[in-house]
Protein backbone atom coordinates (compact mmCIF):
# COMPACT_ATOMS: atom_id res chain seq x y z
CA MET A 1 0.11 0.13 0.12
CA SER A 2 1.04 3.62 -0.31
CA ALA A 3 2.70 6.00 1.77
CA ALA A 4 -0.44 7.64 2.07
CA SER A 5 -2.17 4.86 3.60
CA TRP A 6 0.60 4.51 6.36
CA GLU A 7 0.24 8.39 6.82
CA SER A 8 -3.54 8.06 7.51
CA LEU A 9 -3.01 5.01 9.84
CA GLN A 10 -0.72 7.40 11.64
CA GLU A 11 -3.39 10.41 11.92
CA ALA A 12 -5.75 7.66 13.12
CA ALA A 13 -3.96 6.00 15.72
CA GLY A 14 -0.92 8.30 16.35
CA PRO A 15 2.82 7.33 15.93
CA VAL A 16 2.95 3.55 14.34
CA SER A 17 6.02 2.06 13.42
CA ARG A 18 6.64 1.09 9.57
CA GLU A 19 6.36 -2.83 10.55
CA THR A 20 3.24 -2.82 12.42
CA PHE A 21 1.75 -0.68 9.45
CA GLU A 22 2.99 -3.38 7.37
CA ARG A 23 1.69 -6.28 9.77
CA LEU A 24 -1.66 -4.60 9.29
CA VAL A 25 -1.71 -4.65 5.48
CA ALA A 26 -0.97 -8.38 5.52
CA PHE A 27 -3.94 -8.68 8.21
CA GLU A 28 -6.18 -6.81 5.65
CA GLN A 29 -5.41 -9.47 2.90
CA LEU A 30 -6.09 -12.45 5.37
CA PHE A 31 -9.18 -10.89 6.28
CA LEU A 32 -10.25 -10.66 2.62
CA LYS A 33 -9.38 -14.17 2.25
CA TRP A 34 -10.94 -15.54 5.45
CA ASN A 35 -14.40 -13.47 4.42
CA ARG A 36 -14.87 -15.35 1.33
CA SER A 37 -15.51 -18.40 3.39
CA ILE A 38 -16.88 -16.71 6.50
CA ASN A 39 -19.17 -13.48 6.41
CA LEU A 40 -16.90 -11.29 8.69
CA ALA A 41 -18.24 -8.08 7.61
CA ALA A 42 -20.97 -6.40 5.39
CA PRO A 43 -20.38 -6.76 2.01
CA SER A 44 -21.13 -3.17 1.25
CA THR A 45 -18.12 -2.48 3.37
CA LEU A 46 -15.60 -4.79 1.65
CA ASP A 47 -14.43 -1.98 -1.50
CA ASP A 48 -12.65 0.00 1.43
CA VAL A 49 -11.41 -2.13 4.18
CA TRP A 50 -8.65 -0.12 4.92
CA ARG A 51 -10.46 2.80 5.82
CA ARG A 52 -13.79 1.87 7.07
CA HIS A 53 -12.57 -0.97 9.49
CA ILE A 54 -8.88 -0.79 9.77
CA LEU A 55 -8.89 2.96 10.28
CA ASP A 56 -11.89 3.60 12.42
CA SER A 57 -10.69 0.71 14.62
CA ALA A 58 -7.08 2.02 15.20
CA GLN A 59 -8.39 5.55 16.28
CA ILE A 60 -9.49 4.09 19.44
CA ALA A 61 -5.66 3.79 20.19
CA ARG A 62 -5.06 7.53 20.25
CA ILE A 63 -7.33 7.97 22.66
CA GLU A 64 -6.22 5.83 25.04
CA PRO A 65 -2.47 6.01 24.50
CA GLU A 66 -1.42 4.60 27.86
CA ALA A 67 -3.94 2.08 28.50
CA ARG A 68 -2.28 -1.57 28.79
CA ARG A 69 -5.06 -3.96 29.77
CA TRP A 70 -8.03 -3.97 27.26
CA VAL A 71 -11.22 -6.46 26.39
CA ASP A 72 -13.08 -6.49 22.98
CA LEU A 73 -16.49 -7.67 23.15
CA GLY A 74 -18.50 -9.66 20.38
CA SER A 75 -15.00 -9.25 18.19
CA GLY A 76 -16.48 -11.07 14.92
CA GLY A 77 -14.20 -9.98 12.46
CA GLY A 78 -11.58 -8.50 14.38
CA PHE A 79 -13.02 -5.06 14.53
CA PRO A 80 -11.47 -3.07 16.76
CA GLY A 81 -9.95 -6.19 18.67
CA LEU A 82 -7.52 -7.55 16.34
CA VAL A 83 -6.24 -4.25 15.31
CA LEU A 84 -6.05 -2.75 18.46
CA GLY A 85 -3.76 -6.20 19.13
CA PHE A 86 -1.64 -5.09 16.48
CA LEU A 87 -1.20 -1.52 17.88
CA LEU A 88 -0.90 -2.65 21.42
CA ALA A 89 2.13 -5.10 20.59
CA GLU A 90 3.96 -1.40 20.39
CA ARG A 91 3.09 -0.97 24.41
CA ASP A 92 5.00 -2.85 26.75
CA GLY A 93 3.10 -5.22 28.74
CA ALA A 94 -0.04 -4.35 26.77
CA SER A 95 -2.65 -7.12 25.96
CA ILE A 96 -6.08 -7.61 24.85
CA ASP A 97 -9.08 -10.47 25.46
CA LEU A 98 -11.04 -10.93 22.38
CA VAL A 99 -14.66 -12.18 23.30
CA GLU A 100 -16.60 -14.29 20.33
CA SER A 101 -18.63 -16.67 21.14
CA ASN A 102 -19.24 -17.62 17.29
CA ARG A 103 -17.16 -20.78 16.72
CA LYS A 104 -15.90 -19.62 13.06
CA LYS A 105 -15.41 -16.31 13.87
CA ALA A 106 -13.41 -17.35 17.18
CA SER A 107 -11.33 -19.21 14.94
CA PHE A 108 -10.32 -16.78 12.80
CA LEU A 109 -9.39 -14.50 15.61
CA GLN A 110 -7.02 -17.29 16.96
CA ALA A 111 -5.36 -17.73 13.35
CA VAL A 112 -4.66 -14.27 13.51
CA VAL A 113 -3.46 -13.98 16.90
CA GLY A 114 -1.34 -17.20 16.01
CA GLN A 115 0.11 -16.13 12.62
CA PHE A 116 1.30 -12.56 13.87
CA GLY A 117 2.16 -13.31 17.54
CA LEU A 118 -0.20 -10.47 18.95
CA PRO A 119 -0.57 -9.90 22.62
CA ALA A 120 -4.13 -11.20 22.70
CA ARG A 121 -6.28 -14.01 23.68
CA VAL A 122 -9.29 -15.17 22.39
CA VAL A 123 -12.34 -15.98 24.89
CA ALA A 124 -14.54 -18.02 22.95
CA ARG A 125 -17.51 -17.72 25.13
CA ARG A 126 -20.62 -15.64 25.71
CA ILE A 127 -20.16 -12.15 27.09
CA ASP A 128 -21.81 -12.85 30.24
CA ASP A 129 -20.05 -16.25 30.55
CA SER A 130 -16.23 -14.38 30.12
CA TYR A 131 -16.41 -11.96 33.64
CA PRO A 132 -14.46 -14.39 35.60
CA LEU A 133 -11.97 -15.10 32.87
CA VAL A 134 -11.32 -11.28 31.99
CA ALA A 135 -9.96 -9.64 35.16
CA ALA A 136 -9.93 -6.08 35.90
CA PRO A 137 -9.71 -4.14 31.96
CA GLU A 138 -8.58 -0.73 31.75
CA ILE A 139 -10.62 -0.07 28.62
CA VAL A 140 -13.92 -2.12 27.41
CA THR A 141 -14.39 -1.75 23.59
CA ALA A 142 -17.20 -2.87 21.31
CA ARG A 143 -18.45 -2.03 17.62
CA ALA A 144 -21.35 -2.93 16.01
CA LEU A 145 -22.42 -5.12 18.52
CA ALA A 146 -25.55 -3.86 20.06
CA ALA A 147 -27.63 -0.48 21.29
CA LEU A 148 -25.89 1.42 24.18
CA PRO A 149 -28.45 0.53 26.97
CA ALA A 150 -27.49 -3.43 25.78
CA LEU A 151 -23.64 -2.69 25.81
CA LEU A 152 -23.91 -1.00 28.97
CA ASP A 153 -25.60 -3.71 30.56
CA LEU A 154 -22.91 -6.24 29.38
CA ALA A 155 -20.03 -4.15 30.29
CA ALA A 156 -21.30 -3.17 33.65
CA PRO A 157 -19.82 -5.75 35.66
CA TRP A 158 -15.88 -4.09 34.58
CA LEU A 159 -17.55 -0.55 33.70
CA THR A 160 -18.88 -0.08 37.65
CA LYS A 161 -15.50 -1.31 39.16
CA GLY A 162 -13.55 1.20 37.35
CA ALA A 163 -13.16 0.53 33.74
CA ARG A 164 -14.05 2.83 31.17
CA ALA A 165 -15.64 2.11 27.50
CA LEU A 166 -14.99 3.30 24.46
CA PHE A 167 -17.79 2.10 21.86
CA HIS A 168 -18.24 2.75 18.48
CA LYS A 169 -21.48 4.48 17.36
CA GLY A 170 -23.38 5.93 14.51
CA ARG A 171 -25.91 9.00 13.88
CA ASP A 172 -28.34 7.54 16.10
CA TYR A 173 -26.59 7.76 19.09
CA ARG A 174 -28.01 10.17 20.95
CA ALA A 175 -31.33 8.38 21.04
CA GLU A 176 -29.26 5.60 22.40
CA VAL A 177 -27.43 7.68 25.04
CA GLU A 178 -31.09 8.69 26.19
CA GLU A 179 -32.36 5.76 26.32
CA SER A 180 -29.51 4.58 28.63
CA THR A 181 -30.32 7.02 31.32
CA HIS A 182 -33.44 5.14 32.25
CA ARG A 183 -31.39 2.52 33.44
CA TRP A 184 -27.64 3.88 34.34
CA ALA A 185 -25.75 6.98 35.16
CA PHE A 186 -22.71 7.69 33.71
CA ASP A 187 -19.96 10.20 32.81
CA LEU A 188 -19.78 10.53 28.99
CA VAL A 189 -17.12 12.14 26.45
CA GLU A 190 -17.91 12.22 22.76
CA HIS A 191 -15.07 11.98 20.42
CA PRO A 192 -15.93 12.73 16.95
CA SER A 193 -15.14 9.82 14.57
CA LEU A 194 -12.00 10.39 12.14
CA THR A 195 -13.58 8.09 9.54
CA ASP A 196 -17.33 8.67 9.71
CA PRO A 197 -18.49 12.20 9.59
CA HIS A 198 -22.00 10.81 11.60
CA GLY A 199 -19.95 8.80 13.91
CA VAL A 200 -18.49 9.16 17.28
CA ILE A 201 -16.61 7.24 19.71
CA LEU A 202 -18.71 7.39 23.11
CA GLU A 203 -16.15 7.32 26.32
CA VAL A 204 -17.96 6.06 28.94
CA THR A 205 -17.01 6.18 32.64
CA HIS A 206 -18.16 6.07 36.52
CA LEU A 207 -20.90 3.66 35.57
CA ARG A 208 -23.47 3.23 38.41
CA PRO A 209 -27.06 2.76 38.60
CA ALA A 210 -29.44 5.56 37.74
CA THR A 211 -31.30 7.35 40.83
CA PRO A 212 -34.75 6.77 40.50
CA GLN A 213 -36.86 9.86 40.13
């Protein structure tokens, strides 16, 4: 890929080595190969995997440049979890758990982790069965998994103990935030997406049950 692609990665994620860039380029090709037999992403997005999936995932790394312990929920085709795995390889002691219950998708995740030696572990379980296996993450991520109220319920065992969430959301996120306040109280920072003019990364902290009105 071109120098412009490397520059776009650094604009999204922050400083990234040439080696990590080249590994992500190789991952893109491997993803497309697997996607021919396993549905890892919507067909309409496959014309620009680099921007729509890899850069979109990589921008999370810029938001939390010091975090070391991550968990990605419903990792699916590896966005953002695998992409973060490549980027976290440049941070000493950093790692990410990839929670995915679908066996075929978990097999894909494990193949990529093994081939590239990523600092990642595949947790092939349902999210609500993974809590004892994923201890004290700093950051919880999820992309295209569920509406925000459901995401907060799923991530609550970690978020109520001090973890923070970084959730990709699209143009309708404000309605999801409003619905979430019926059950939860939380602090919220909206980070505009660098790849989607209508998208945001929602940073959720201090999750706690909402006080009845």
